Amino acid sequence: MLTLASKLKRDDGVKGPRTSNPASDSTRRVSIRDKLLVKEVAELEVNLPCTCKVNFPDSNKLHYFQLTVTPDEGYYQGGKFQFEIEVPDAYNMVPPKVKCLTRIWHPNITETGEICLR
């Protein structure tokens, strides 16, 4: 699933000495966001509770994924709630955008699925 990690390793091995063509360097650059996400997605898969499942529609885009939560206790027990998470380019300075795709009544989730954490 972490095809971006293998791509990063390949690109690091291919770079070698700098070429005179700056366009080729810019196409090989990987954003800081993507480097952070490779590490954080690996940690996420190890530490995610059994009631949560992550789905990457496109394994080359670690900045967009879906999370499914199926609580096994509490008021929402037996429910299945899907969230869409998109990590912006300025990640680490700007938080990810999270949207609830499942219609739910919750004081921090609007009718359109926007989440307020303030």
PDB file of N, CA and C in Angstrom:
ATOM      1  N   MET A   1       0.811  -1.185   0.000  1.00  0.00           N
ATOM      2  CA  MET A   1       0.000   0.000   0.000  1.00  0.00           C
ATOM      3  C   MET A   1       0.860   1.257   0.000  1.00  0.00           C
ATOM      4  N   LEU A   2       1.995   1.241   0.631  1.00  0.00           N
ATOM      5  CA  LEU A   2       2.820   2.433   0.704  1.00  0.00           C
ATOM      6  C   LEU A   2       3.703   2.550  -0.534  1.00  0.00           C
ATOM      7  N   THR A   3       3.095   2.708  -1.667  1.00  0.00           N
ATOM      8  CA  THR A   3       3.853   2.814  -2.905  1.00  0.00           C
ATOM      9  C   THR A   3       4.608   4.120  -2.970  1.00  0.00           C
ATOM     10  N   LEU A   4       4.128   5.151  -2.255  1.00  0.00           N
ATOM     11  CA  LEU A   4       4.840   6.424  -2.239  1.00  0.00           C
ATOM     12  C   LEU A   4       6.189   6.273  -1.543  1.00  0.00           C
ATOM     13  N   ALA A   5       6.255   5.430  -0.516  1.00  0.00           N
ATOM     14  CA  ALA A   5       7.520   5.209   0.186  1.00  0.00           C
ATOM     15  C   ALA A   5       8.552   4.605  -0.756  1.00  0.00           C
ATOM     16  N   SER A   6       8.144   3.634  -1.532  1.00  0.00           N
ATOM     17  CA  SER A   6       9.093   3.036  -2.471  1.00  0.00           C
ATOM     18  C   SER A   6       9.483   4.027  -3.558  1.00  0.00           C
ATOM     19  N   LYS A   7       8.555   4.890  -3.948  1.00  0.00           N
ATOM     20  CA  LYS A   7       8.861   5.928  -4.935  1.00  0.00           C
ATOM     21  C   LYS A   7       9.890   6.907  -4.376  1.00  0.00           C
ATOM     22  N   LEU A   8       9.740   7.278  -3.108  1.00  0.00           N
ATOM     23  CA  LEU A   8      10.702   8.187  -2.483  1.00  0.00           C
ATOM     24  C   LEU A   8      12.101   7.577  -2.468  1.00  0.00           C
ATOM     25  N   LYS A   9      12.188   6.295  -2.133  1.00  0.00           N
ATOM     26  CA  LYS A   9      13.487   5.618  -2.100  1.00  0.00           C
ATOM     27  C   LYS A   9      14.099   5.553  -3.492  1.00  0.00           C
ATOM     28  N   ARG A  10      13.273   5.250  -4.495  1.00  0.00           N
ATOM     29  CA  ARG A  10      13.766   5.198  -5.877  1.00  0.00           C
ATOM     30  C   ARG A  10      14.277   6.558  -6.322  1.00  0.00           C
ATOM     31  N   ASP A  11      13.514   7.609  -6.021  1.00  0.00           N
ATOM     32  CA  ASP A  11      13.909   8.952  -6.431  1.00  0.00           C
ATOM     33  C   ASP A  11      15.210   9.381  -5.760  1.00  0.00           C
ATOM     34  N   ASP A  12      15.389   9.026  -4.481  1.00  0.00           N
ATOM     35  CA  ASP A  12      16.632   9.377  -3.795  1.00  0.00           C
ATOM     36  C   ASP A  12      17.831   8.685  -4.437  1.00  0.00           C
ATOM     37  N   GLY A  13      17.644   7.459  -4.898  1.00  0.00           N
ATOM     38  CA  GLY A  13      18.736   6.727  -5.531  1.00  0.00           C
ATOM     39  C   GLY A  13      19.027   7.222  -6.932  1.00  0.00           C
ATOM     40  N   VAL A  14      18.034   7.782  -7.603  1.00  0.00           N
ATOM     41  CA  VAL A  14      18.198   8.219  -8.991  1.00  0.00           C
ATOM     42  C   VAL A  14      18.822   9.605  -9.080  1.00  0.00           C
ATOM     43  N   LYS A  15      18.628  10.449  -8.077  1.00  0.00           N
ATOM     44  CA  LYS A  15      19.047  11.849  -8.156  1.00  0.00           C
ATOM     45  C   LYS A  15      20.504  12.019  -8.545  1.00  0.00           C
ATOM     46  N   GLY A  16      21.386  11.426  -7.787  1.00  0.00           N
ATOM     47  CA  GLY A  16      22.811  11.521  -8.099  1.00  0.00           C
ATOM     48  C   GLY A  16      23.267  12.958  -8.238  1.00  0.00           C
ATOM     49  N   PRO A  17      24.219  13.255  -9.186  1.00  0.00           N
ATOM     50  CA  PRO A  17      24.675  14.624  -9.356  1.00  0.00           C
ATOM     51  C   PRO A  17      23.593  15.466 -10.008  1.00  0.00           C
ATOM     52  N   ARG A  18      23.614  16.771  -9.713  1.00  0.00           N
ATOM     53  CA  ARG A  18      22.626  17.703 -10.262  1.00  0.00           C
ATOM     54  C   ARG A  18      22.813  17.856 -11.754  1.00  0.00           C
ATOM     55  N   THR A  19      21.697  17.940 -12.428  1.00  0.00           N
ATOM     56  CA  THR A  19      21.742  18.166 -13.862  1.00  0.00           C
ATOM     57  C   THR A  19      21.557  19.652 -14.134  1.00  0.00           C
ATOM     58  N   SER A  20      21.795  20.051 -15.337  1.00  0.00           N
ATOM     59  CA  SER A  20      21.657  21.461 -15.677  1.00  0.00           C
ATOM     60  C   SER A  20      20.212  21.825 -15.997  1.00  0.00           C
ATOM     61  N   ASN A  21      19.331  20.857 -16.070  1.00  0.00           N
ATOM     62  CA  ASN A  21      17.939  21.111 -16.391  1.00  0.00           C
ATOM     63  C   ASN A  21      17.132  21.234 -15.101  1.00  0.00           C
ATOM     64  N   PRO A  22      16.741  22.472 -14.696  1.00  0.00           N
ATOM     65  CA  PRO A  22      16.015  22.640 -13.450  1.00  0.00           C
ATOM     66  C   PRO A  22      14.619  22.041 -13.498  1.00  0.00           C
ATOM     67  N   ALA A  23      14.024  21.892 -14.656  1.00  0.00           N
ATOM     68  CA  ALA A  23      12.683  21.314 -14.755  1.00  0.00           C
ATOM     69  C   ALA A  23      12.692  19.857 -14.323  1.00  0.00           C
ATOM     70  N   SER A  24      13.747  19.129 -14.643  1.00  0.00           N
ATOM     71  CA  SER A  24      13.793  17.716 -14.254  1.00  0.00           C
ATOM     72  C   SER A  24      13.927  17.576 -12.746  1.00  0.00           C
ATOM     73  N   ASP A  25      14.621  18.527 -12.067  1.00  0.00           N
ATOM     74  CA  ASP A  25      14.719  18.491 -10.610  1.00  0.00           C
ATOM     75  C   ASP A  25      13.368  18.735  -9.968  1.00  0.00           C
ATOM     76  N   SER A  26      12.593  19.667 -10.509  1.00  0.00           N
ATOM     77  CA  SER A  26      11.316  19.991  -9.883  1.00  0.00           C
ATOM     78  C   SER A  26      10.310  18.858 -10.036  1.00  0.00           C
ATOM     79  N   THR A  27      10.424  18.067 -11.082  1.00  0.00           N
ATOM     80  CA  THR A  27       9.489  16.965 -11.239  1.00  0.00           C
ATOM     81  C   THR A  27       9.830  15.807 -10.307  1.00  0.00           C
ATOM     82  N   ARG A  28      11.047  15.732  -9.839  1.00  0.00           N
ATOM     83  CA  ARG A  28      11.459  14.659  -8.929  1.00  0.00           C
ATOM     84  C   ARG A  28      11.265  15.030  -7.469  1.00  0.00           C
ATOM     85  N   ARG A  29      11.061  16.287  -7.171  1.00  0.00           N
ATOM     86  CA  ARG A  29      10.929  16.710  -5.780  1.00  0.00           C
ATOM     87  C   ARG A  29       9.660  16.146  -5.170  1.00  0.00           C
ATOM     88  N   VAL A  30       9.779  15.767  -3.930  1.00  0.00           N
ATOM     89  CA  VAL A  30       8.642  15.261  -3.187  1.00  0.00           C
ATOM     90  C   VAL A  30       8.374  16.248  -2.064  1.00  0.00           C
ATOM     91  N   SER A  31       7.123  16.598  -1.869  1.00  0.00           N
ATOM     92  CA  SER A  31       6.782  17.606  -0.867  1.00  0.00           C
ATOM     93  C   SER A  31       7.057  17.094   0.544  1.00  0.00           C
ATOM     94  N   ILE A  32       7.219  18.029   1.435  1.00  0.00           N
ATOM     95  CA  ILE A  32       7.427  17.697   2.839  1.00  0.00           C
ATOM     96  C   ILE A  32       6.203  16.957   3.366  1.00  0.00           C
ATOM     97  N   ARG A  33       5.025  17.387   2.907  1.00  0.00           N
ATOM     98  CA  ARG A  33       3.788  16.723   3.315  1.00  0.00           C
ATOM     99  C   ARG A  33       3.846  15.235   2.999  1.00  0.00           C
ATOM    100  N   ASP A  34       4.272  14.894   1.778  1.00  0.00           N
ATOM    101  CA  ASP A  34       4.309  13.491   1.378  1.00  0.00           C
ATOM    102  C   ASP A  34       5.332  12.697   2.183  1.00  0.00           C
ATOM    103  N   LYS A  35       6.461  13.309   2.486  1.00  0.00           N
ATOM    104  CA  LYS A  35       7.463  12.621   3.305  1.00  0.00           C
ATOM    105  C   LYS A  35       6.924  12.357   4.709  1.00  0.00           C
ATOM    106  N   LEU A  36       6.234  13.354   5.287  1.00  0.00           N
ATOM    107  CA  LEU A  36       5.644  13.169   6.612  1.00  0.00           C
ATOM    108  C   LEU A  36       4.551  12.108   6.586  1.00  0.00           C
ATOM    109  N   LEU A  37       3.737  12.122   5.533  1.00  0.00           N
ATOM    110  CA  LEU A  37       2.625  11.179   5.458  1.00  0.00           C
ATOM    111  C   LEU A  37       3.082   9.731   5.325  1.00  0.00           C
ATOM    112  N   VAL A  38       4.175   9.495   4.654  1.00  0.00           N
ATOM    113  CA  VAL A  38       4.688   8.124   4.546  1.00  0.00           C
ATOM    114  C   VAL A  38       4.958   7.573   5.939  1.00  0.00           C
ATOM    115  N   LYS A  39       5.604   8.369   6.755  1.00  0.00           N
ATOM    116  CA  LYS A  39       5.926   7.950   8.118  1.00  0.00           C
ATOM    117  C   LYS A  39       4.657   7.829   8.975  1.00  0.00           C
ATOM    118  N   GLU A  40       3.783   8.828   8.882  1.00  0.00           N
ATOM    119  CA  GLU A  40       2.605   8.853   9.736  1.00  0.00           C
ATOM    120  C   GLU A  40       1.571   7.785   9.353  1.00  0.00           C
ATOM    121  N   VAL A  41       1.455   7.463   8.082  1.00  0.00           N
ATOM    122  CA  VAL A  41       0.527   6.406   7.664  1.00  0.00           C
ATOM    123  C   VAL A  41       1.011   5.055   8.168  1.00  0.00           C
ATOM    124  N   ALA A  42       2.308   4.835   8.148  1.00  0.00           N
ATOM    125  CA  ALA A  42       2.855   3.584   8.684  1.00  0.00           C
ATOM    126  C   ALA A  42       2.549   3.468  10.178  1.00  0.00           C
ATOM    127  N   GLU A  43       2.695   4.563  10.921  1.00  0.00           N
ATOM    128  CA  GLU A  43       2.376   4.565  12.347  1.00  0.00           C
ATOM    129  C   GLU A  43       0.878   4.376  12.566  1.00  0.00           C
ATOM    130  N   LEU A  44       0.077   4.994  11.712  1.00  0.00           N
ATOM    131  CA  LEU A  44      -1.373   4.886  11.818  1.00  0.00           C
ATOM    132  C   LEU A  44      -1.828   3.440  11.682  1.00  0.00           C
ATOM    133  N   GLU A  45      -1.280   2.727  10.728  1.00  0.00           N
ATOM    134  CA  GLU A  45      -1.678   1.338  10.501  1.00  0.00           C
ATOM    135  C   GLU A  45      -1.330   0.452  11.691  1.00  0.00           C
ATOM    136  N   VAL A  46      -0.255   0.770  12.383  1.00  0.00           N
ATOM    137  CA  VAL A  46       0.154  -0.028  13.542  1.00  0.00           C
ATOM    138  C   VAL A  46      -0.705   0.304  14.764  1.00  0.00           C
ATOM    139  N   ASN A  47      -1.046   1.575  14.955  1.00  0.00           N
ATOM    140  CA  ASN A  47      -1.705   2.020  16.180  1.00  0.00           C
ATOM    141  C   ASN A  47      -3.217   2.182  16.076  1.00  0.00           C
ATOM    142  N   LEU A  48      -3.814   1.952  14.943  1.00  0.00           N
ATOM    143  CA  LEU A  48      -5.249   2.148  14.756  1.00  0.00           C
ATOM    144  C   LEU A  48      -6.036   1.076  15.505  1.00  0.00           C
ATOM    145  N   PRO A  49      -7.040   1.475  16.294  1.00  0.00           N
ATOM    146  CA  PRO A  49      -7.829   0.470  17.015  1.00  0.00           C
ATOM    147  C   PRO A  49      -8.614  -0.419  16.062  1.00  0.00           C
ATOM    148  N   CYS A  50      -9.032  -1.561  16.552  1.00  0.00           N
ATOM    149  CA  CYS A  50      -9.732  -2.526  15.694  1.00  0.00           C
ATOM    150  C   CYS A  50     -11.100  -2.024  15.247  1.00  0.00           C
ATOM    151  N   THR A  51     -11.631  -0.994  15.881  1.00  0.00           N
ATOM    152  CA  THR A  51     -12.934  -0.444  15.494  1.00  0.00           C
ATOM    153  C   THR A  51     -12.818   0.582  14.367  1.00  0.00           C
ATOM    154  N   CYS A  52     -11.617   0.822  13.891  1.00  0.00           N
ATOM    155  CA  CYS A  52     -11.386   1.799  12.823  1.00  0.00           C
ATOM    156  C   CYS A  52     -10.683   1.125  11.646  1.00  0.00           C
ATOM    157  N   LYS A  53     -11.029   1.586  10.449  1.00  0.00           N
ATOM    158  CA  LYS A  53     -10.410   1.044   9.246  1.00  0.00           C
ATOM    159  C   LYS A  53     -10.112   2.192   8.291  1.00  0.00           C
ATOM    160  N   VAL A  54      -8.912   2.188   7.715  1.00  0.00           N
ATOM    161  CA  VAL A  54      -8.506   3.223   6.772  1.00  0.00           C
ATOM    162  C   VAL A  54      -8.556   2.661   5.355  1.00  0.00           C
ATOM    163  N   ASN A  55      -9.049   3.471   4.430  1.00  0.00           N
ATOM    164  CA  ASN A  55      -9.122   3.075   3.026  1.00  0.00           C
ATOM    165  C   ASN A  55      -8.496   4.163   2.174  1.00  0.00           C
ATOM    166  N   PHE A  56      -7.522   3.789   1.347  1.00  0.00           N
ATOM    167  CA  PHE A  56      -6.883   4.713   0.411  1.00  0.00           C
ATOM    168  C   PHE A  56      -7.421   4.407  -0.988  1.00  0.00           C
ATOM    169  N   PRO A  57      -8.340   5.250  -1.518  1.00  0.00           N
ATOM    170  CA  PRO A  57      -8.869   5.000  -2.858  1.00  0.00           C
ATOM    171  C   PRO A  57      -7.771   4.934  -3.916  1.00  0.00           C
ATOM    172  N   ASP A  58      -6.748   5.781  -3.776  1.00  0.00           N
ATOM    173  CA  ASP A  58      -5.602   5.769  -4.683  1.00  0.00           C
ATOM    174  C   ASP A  58      -4.353   5.631  -3.830  1.00  0.00           C
ATOM    175  N   SER A  59      -3.673   4.503  -3.914  1.00  0.00           N
ATOM    176  CA  SER A  59      -2.516   4.251  -3.043  1.00  0.00           C
ATOM    177  C   SER A  59      -1.344   5.185  -3.309  1.00  0.00           C
ATOM    178  N   ASN A  60      -1.363   5.926  -4.411  1.00  0.00           N
ATOM    179  CA  ASN A  60      -0.309   6.898  -4.691  1.00  0.00           C
ATOM    180  C   ASN A  60      -0.612   8.264  -4.088  1.00  0.00           C
ATOM    181  N   LYS A  61      -1.790   8.427  -3.532  1.00  0.00           N
ATOM    182  CA  LYS A  61      -2.185   9.701  -2.925  1.00  0.00           C
ATOM    183  C   LYS A  61      -2.449   9.480  -1.443  1.00  0.00           C
ATOM    184  N   LEU A  62      -1.394   9.563  -0.648  1.00  0.00           N
ATOM    185  CA  LEU A  62      -1.545   9.368   0.785  1.00  0.00           C
ATOM    186  C   LEU A  62      -2.224  10.555   1.445  1.00  0.00           C
ATOM    187  N   HIS A  63      -2.354  11.666   0.728  1.00  0.00           N
ATOM    188  CA  HIS A  63      -2.967  12.857   1.313  1.00  0.00           C
ATOM    189  C   HIS A  63      -4.494  12.824   1.265  1.00  0.00           C
ATOM    190  N   TYR A  64      -5.076  11.816   0.669  1.00  0.00           N
ATOM    191  CA  TYR A  64      -6.534  11.668   0.634  1.00  0.00           C
ATOM    192  C   TYR A  64      -6.893  10.236   1.013  1.00  0.00           C
ATOM    193  N   PHE A  65      -7.679  10.095   2.076  1.00  0.00           N
ATOM    194  CA  PHE A  65      -8.104   8.760   2.483  1.00  0.00           C
ATOM    195  C   PHE A  65      -9.427   8.834   3.224  1.00  0.00           C
ATOM    196  N   GLN A  66     -10.014   7.674   3.445  1.00  0.00           N
ATOM    197  CA  GLN A  66     -11.279   7.570   4.149  1.00  0.00           C
ATOM    198  C   GLN A  66     -11.098   6.721   5.393  1.00  0.00           C
ATOM    199  N   LEU A  67     -11.796   7.106   6.436  1.00  0.00           N
ATOM    200  CA  LEU A  67     -11.741   6.395   7.706  1.00  0.00           C
ATOM    201  C   LEU A  67     -13.144   5.903   8.046  1.00  0.00           C
ATOM    202  N   THR A  68     -13.265   4.635   8.391  1.00  0.00           N
ATOM    203  CA  THR A  68     -14.538   4.070   8.817  1.00  0.00           C
ATOM    204  C   THR A  68     -14.420   3.695  10.284  1.00  0.00           C
ATOM    205  N   VAL A  69     -15.351   4.209  11.079  1.00  0.00           N
ATOM    206  CA  VAL A  69     -15.361   3.953  12.517  1.00  0.00           C
ATOM    207  C   VAL A  69     -16.628   3.169  12.848  1.00  0.00           C
ATOM    208  N   THR A  70     -16.462   2.035  13.525  1.00  0.00           N
ATOM    209  CA  THR A  70     -17.596   1.215  13.962  1.00  0.00           C
ATOM    210  C   THR A  70     -17.476   1.009  15.475  1.00  0.00           C
ATOM    211  N   PRO A  71     -18.063   1.924  16.269  1.00  0.00           N
ATOM    212  CA  PRO A  71     -17.935   1.827  17.734  1.00  0.00           C
ATOM    213  C   PRO A  71     -18.533   0.545  18.272  1.00  0.00           C
ATOM    214  N   ASP A  72     -17.869  -0.044  19.270  1.00  0.00           N
ATOM    215  CA  ASP A  72     -18.376  -1.277  19.872  1.00  0.00           C
ATOM    216  C   ASP A  72     -18.940  -1.036  21.274  1.00  0.00           C
ATOM    217  N   GLU A  73     -19.042   0.233  21.661  1.00  0.00           N
ATOM    218  CA  GLU A  73     -19.638   0.576  22.949  1.00  0.00           C
ATOM    219  C   GLU A  73     -20.147   2.014  22.893  1.00  0.00           C
ATOM    220  N   GLY A  74     -20.943   2.379  23.870  1.00  0.00           N
ATOM    221  CA  GLY A  74     -21.438   3.744  23.962  1.00  0.00           C
ATOM    222  C   GLY A  74     -22.698   3.988  23.150  1.00  0.00           C
ATOM    223  N   TYR A  75     -23.092   5.240  23.056  1.00  0.00           N
ATOM    224  CA  TYR A  75     -24.328   5.645  22.404  1.00  0.00           C
ATOM    225  C   TYR A  75     -24.356   5.272  20.922  1.00  0.00           C
ATOM    226  N   TYR A  76     -23.226   5.330  20.253  1.00  0.00           N
ATOM    227  CA  TYR A  76     -23.159   5.057  18.811  1.00  0.00           C
ATOM    228  C   TYR A  76     -22.795   3.606  18.497  1.00  0.00           C
ATOM    229  N   GLN A  77     -22.877   2.728  19.486  1.00  0.00           N
ATOM    230  CA  GLN A  77     -22.544   1.307  19.299  1.00  0.00           C
ATOM    231  C   GLN A  77     -23.382   0.708  18.165  1.00  0.00           C
ATOM    232  N   GLY A  78     -22.738  -0.059  17.319  1.00  0.00           N
ATOM    233  CA  GLY A  78     -23.412  -0.701  16.199  1.00  0.00           C
ATOM    234  C   GLY A  78     -23.497   0.164  14.960  1.00  0.00           C
ATOM    235  N   GLY A  79     -23.101   1.417  15.070  1.00  0.00           N
ATOM    236  CA  GLY A  79     -23.132   2.310  13.920  1.00  0.00           C
ATOM    237  C   GLY A  79     -21.884   2.156  13.061  1.00  0.00           C
ATOM    238  N   LYS A  80     -21.971   2.680  11.863  1.00  0.00           N
ATOM    239  CA  LYS A  80     -20.822   2.669  10.957  1.00  0.00           C
ATOM    240  C   LYS A  80     -20.720   4.087  10.391  1.00  0.00           C
ATOM    241  N   PHE A  81     -19.627   4.762  10.697  1.00  0.00           N
ATOM    242  CA  PHE A  81     -19.471   6.162  10.353  1.00  0.00           C
ATOM    243  C   PHE A  81     -18.249   6.348   9.467  1.00  0.00           C
ATOM    244  N   GLN A  82     -18.460   7.017   8.347  1.00  0.00           N
ATOM    245  CA  GLN A  82     -17.373   7.215   7.393  1.00  0.00           C
ATOM    246  C   GLN A  82     -16.949   8.681   7.373  1.00  0.00           C
ATOM    247  N   PHE A  83     -15.645   8.876   7.346  1.00  0.00           N
ATOM    248  CA  PHE A  83     -15.056  10.207   7.306  1.00  0.00           C
ATOM    249  C   PHE A  83     -14.113  10.294   6.115  1.00  0.00           C
ATOM    250  N   GLU A  84     -14.041  11.470   5.540  1.00  0.00           N
ATOM    251  CA  GLU A  84     -13.136  11.740   4.419  1.00  0.00           C
ATOM    252  C   GLU A  84     -12.067  12.696   4.936  1.00  0.00           C
ATOM    253  N   ILE A  85     -10.812  12.348   4.741  1.00  0.00           N
ATOM    254  CA  ILE A  85      -9.711  13.160   5.252  1.00  0.00           C
ATOM    255  C   ILE A  85      -8.821  13.565   4.089  1.00  0.00           C
ATOM    256  N   GLU A  86      -8.579  14.871   4.003  1.00  0.00           N
ATOM    257  CA  GLU A  86      -7.703  15.403   2.968  1.00  0.00           C
ATOM    258  C   GLU A  86      -6.637  16.262   3.641  1.00  0.00           C
ATOM    259  N   VAL A  87      -5.394  15.931   3.393  1.00  0.00           N
ATOM    260  CA  VAL A  87      -4.273  16.635   3.998  1.00  0.00           C
ATOM    261  C   VAL A  87      -3.781  17.689   3.005  1.00  0.00           C
ATOM    262  N   PRO A  88      -3.807  18.984   3.388  1.00  0.00           N
ATOM    263  CA  PRO A  88      -3.398  20.045   2.465  1.00  0.00           C
ATOM    264  C   PRO A  88      -1.893  20.059   2.220  1.00  0.00           C
ATOM    265  N   ASP A  89      -1.474  20.764   1.172  1.00  0.00           N
ATOM    266  CA  ASP A  89      -0.050  20.862   0.835  1.00  0.00           C
ATOM    267  C   ASP A  89       0.762  21.485   1.968  1.00  0.00           C
ATOM    268  N   ALA A  90       0.154  22.393   2.706  1.00  0.00           N
ATOM    269  CA  ALA A  90       0.860  23.082   3.797  1.00  0.00           C
ATOM    270  C   ALA A  90       0.760  22.306   5.110  1.00  0.00           C
ATOM    271  N   TYR A  91       0.569  20.997   5.009  1.00  0.00           N
ATOM    272  CA  TYR A  91       0.422  20.150   6.194  1.00  0.00           C
ATOM    273  C   TYR A  91       1.607  20.297   7.130  1.00  0.00           C
ATOM    274  N   ASN A  92       1.293  20.225   8.358  1.00  0.00           N
ATOM    275  CA  ASN A  92       2.137  20.420   9.513  1.00  0.00           C
ATOM    276  C   ASN A  92       2.002  21.855   9.995  1.00  0.00           C
ATOM    277  N   MET A  93       1.615  22.764   9.101  1.00  0.00           N
ATOM    278  CA  MET A  93       1.297  24.134   9.496  1.00  0.00           C
ATOM    279  C   MET A  93      -0.217  24.351   9.412  1.00  0.00           C
ATOM    280  N   VAL A  94      -0.880  23.591   8.570  1.00  0.00           N
ATOM    281  CA  VAL A  94      -2.325  23.670   8.369  1.00  0.00           C
ATOM    282  C   VAL A  94      -2.897  22.277   8.655  1.00  0.00           C
ATOM    283  N   PRO A  95      -3.966  22.204   9.458  1.00  0.00           N
ATOM    284  CA  PRO A  95      -4.504  20.878   9.809  1.00  0.00           C
ATOM    285  C   PRO A  95      -5.228  20.211   8.643  1.00  0.00           C
ATOM    286  N   PRO A  96      -5.375  18.894   8.704  1.00  0.00           N
ATOM    287  CA  PRO A  96      -6.136  18.177   7.674  1.00  0.00           C
ATOM    288  C   PRO A  96      -7.606  18.597   7.687  1.00  0.00           C
ATOM    289  N   LYS A  97      -8.258  18.454   6.533  1.00  0.00           N
ATOM    290  CA  LYS A  97      -9.687  18.731   6.428  1.00  0.00           C
ATOM    291  C   LYS A  97     -10.418  17.407   6.582  1.00  0.00           C
ATOM    292  N   VAL A  98     -11.352  17.374   7.524  1.00  0.00           N
ATOM    293  CA  VAL A  98     -12.101  16.146   7.810  1.00  0.00           C
ATOM    294  C   VAL A  98     -13.580  16.423   7.587  1.00  0.00           C
ATOM    295  N   LYS A  99     -14.238  15.505   6.898  1.00  0.00           N
ATOM    296  CA  LYS A  99     -15.663  15.641   6.638  1.00  0.00           C
ATOM    297  C   LYS A  99     -16.339  14.313   6.958  1.00  0.00           C
ATOM    298  N   CYS A 100     -17.458  14.395   7.660  1.00  0.00           N
ATOM    299  CA  CYS A 100     -18.228  13.192   7.986  1.00  0.00           C
ATOM    300  C   CYS A 100     -19.164  12.903   6.815  1.00  0.00           C
ATOM    301  N   LEU A 101     -19.025  11.724   6.218  1.00  0.00           N
ATOM    302  CA  LEU A 101     -19.849  11.347   5.080  1.00  0.00           C
ATOM    303  C   LEU A 101     -21.166  10.696   5.505  1.00  0.00           C
ATOM    304  N   THR A 102     -21.237  10.251   6.749  1.00  0.00           N
ATOM    305  CA  THR A 102     -22.430   9.601   7.280  1.00  0.00           C
ATOM    306  C   THR A 102     -23.305  10.654   7.956  1.00  0.00           C
ATOM    307  N   ARG A 103     -24.582  10.639   7.637  1.00  0.00           N
ATOM    308  CA  ARG A 103     -25.508  11.575   8.277  1.00  0.00           C
ATOM    309  C   ARG A 103     -25.659  11.153   9.738  1.00  0.00           C
ATOM    310  N   ILE A 104     -25.370  12.086  10.640  1.00  0.00           N
ATOM    311  CA  ILE A 104     -25.353  11.788  12.071  1.00  0.00           C
ATOM    312  C   ILE A 104     -25.721  13.046  12.849  1.00  0.00           C
ATOM    313  N   TRP A 105     -26.347  12.849  13.999  1.00  0.00           N
ATOM    314  CA  TRP A 105     -26.556  13.988  14.884  1.00  0.00           C
ATOM    315  C   TRP A 105     -25.455  13.961  15.916  1.00  0.00           C
ATOM    316  N   HIS A 106     -24.678  15.015  15.920  1.00  0.00           N
ATOM    317  CA  HIS A 106     -23.590  15.173  16.888  1.00  0.00           C
ATOM    318  C   HIS A 106     -23.372  16.675  17.045  1.00  0.00           C
ATOM    319  N   PRO A 107     -23.147  17.156  18.257  1.00  0.00           N
ATOM    320  CA  PRO A 107     -23.008  18.602  18.449  1.00  0.00           C
ATOM    321  C   PRO A 107     -21.824  19.226  17.686  1.00  0.00           C
ATOM    322  N   ASN A 108     -20.841  18.446  17.311  1.00  0.00           N
ATOM    323  CA  ASN A 108     -19.674  18.998  16.615  1.00  0.00           C
ATOM    324  C   ASN A 108     -19.679  18.725  15.118  1.00  0.00           C
ATOM    325  N   ILE A 109     -20.754  18.139  14.592  1.00  0.00           N
ATOM    326  CA  ILE A 109     -20.833  17.828  13.163  1.00  0.00           C
ATOM    327  C   ILE A 109     -22.089  18.482  12.600  1.00  0.00           C
ATOM    328  N   THR A 110     -21.919  19.302  11.555  1.00  0.00           N
ATOM    329  CA  THR A 110     -23.052  19.987  10.934  1.00  0.00           C
ATOM    330  C   THR A 110     -23.846  19.020  10.073  1.00  0.00           C
ATOM    331  N   GLU A 111     -24.967  19.505   9.558  1.00  0.00           N
ATOM    332  CA  GLU A 111     -25.808  18.677   8.684  1.00  0.00           C
ATOM    333  C   GLU A 111     -25.109  18.312   7.396  1.00  0.00           C
ATOM    334  N   THR A 112     -24.154  19.142   6.966  1.00  0.00           N
ATOM    335  CA  THR A 112     -23.415  18.867   5.731  1.00  0.00           C
ATOM    336  C   THR A 112     -22.150  18.041   5.964  1.00  0.00           C
ATOM    337  N   GLY A 113     -21.885  17.661   7.221  1.00  0.00           N
ATOM    338  CA  GLY A 113     -20.737  16.818   7.535  1.00  0.00           C
ATOM    339  C   GLY A 113     -19.487  17.548   7.954  1.00  0.00           C
ATOM    340  N   GLU A 114     -19.547  18.872   8.016  1.00  0.00           N
ATOM    341  CA  GLU A 114     -18.375  19.637   8.440  1.00  0.00           C
ATOM    342  C   GLU A 114     -18.177  19.450   9.939  1.00  0.00           C
ATOM    343  N   ILE A 115     -16.923  19.351  10.332  1.00  0.00           N
ATOM    344  CA  ILE A 115     -16.605  19.088  11.732  1.00  0.00           C
ATOM    345  C   ILE A 115     -16.012  20.324  12.374  1.00  0.00           C
ATOM    346  N   CYS A 116     -16.549  20.696  13.548  1.00  0.00           N
ATOM    347  CA  CYS A 116     -16.060  21.848  14.291  1.00  0.00           C
ATOM    348  C   CYS A 116     -15.404  21.349  15.561  1.00  0.00           C
ATOM    349  N   LEU A 117     -14.144  21.650  15.728  1.00  0.00           N
ATOM    350  CA  LEU A 117     -13.413  21.186  16.921  1.00  0.00           C
ATOM    351  C   LEU A 117     -13.042  22.331  17.855  1.00  0.00           C
ATOM    352  N   ARG A 118     -13.651  23.492  17.675  1.00  0.00           N
ATOM    353  CA  ARG A 118     -13.326  24.644  18.531  1.00  0.00           C
ATOM    354  C   ARG A 118     -14.113  24.640  19.792  1.00  0.00           C
TER     355      ARG A 118
END
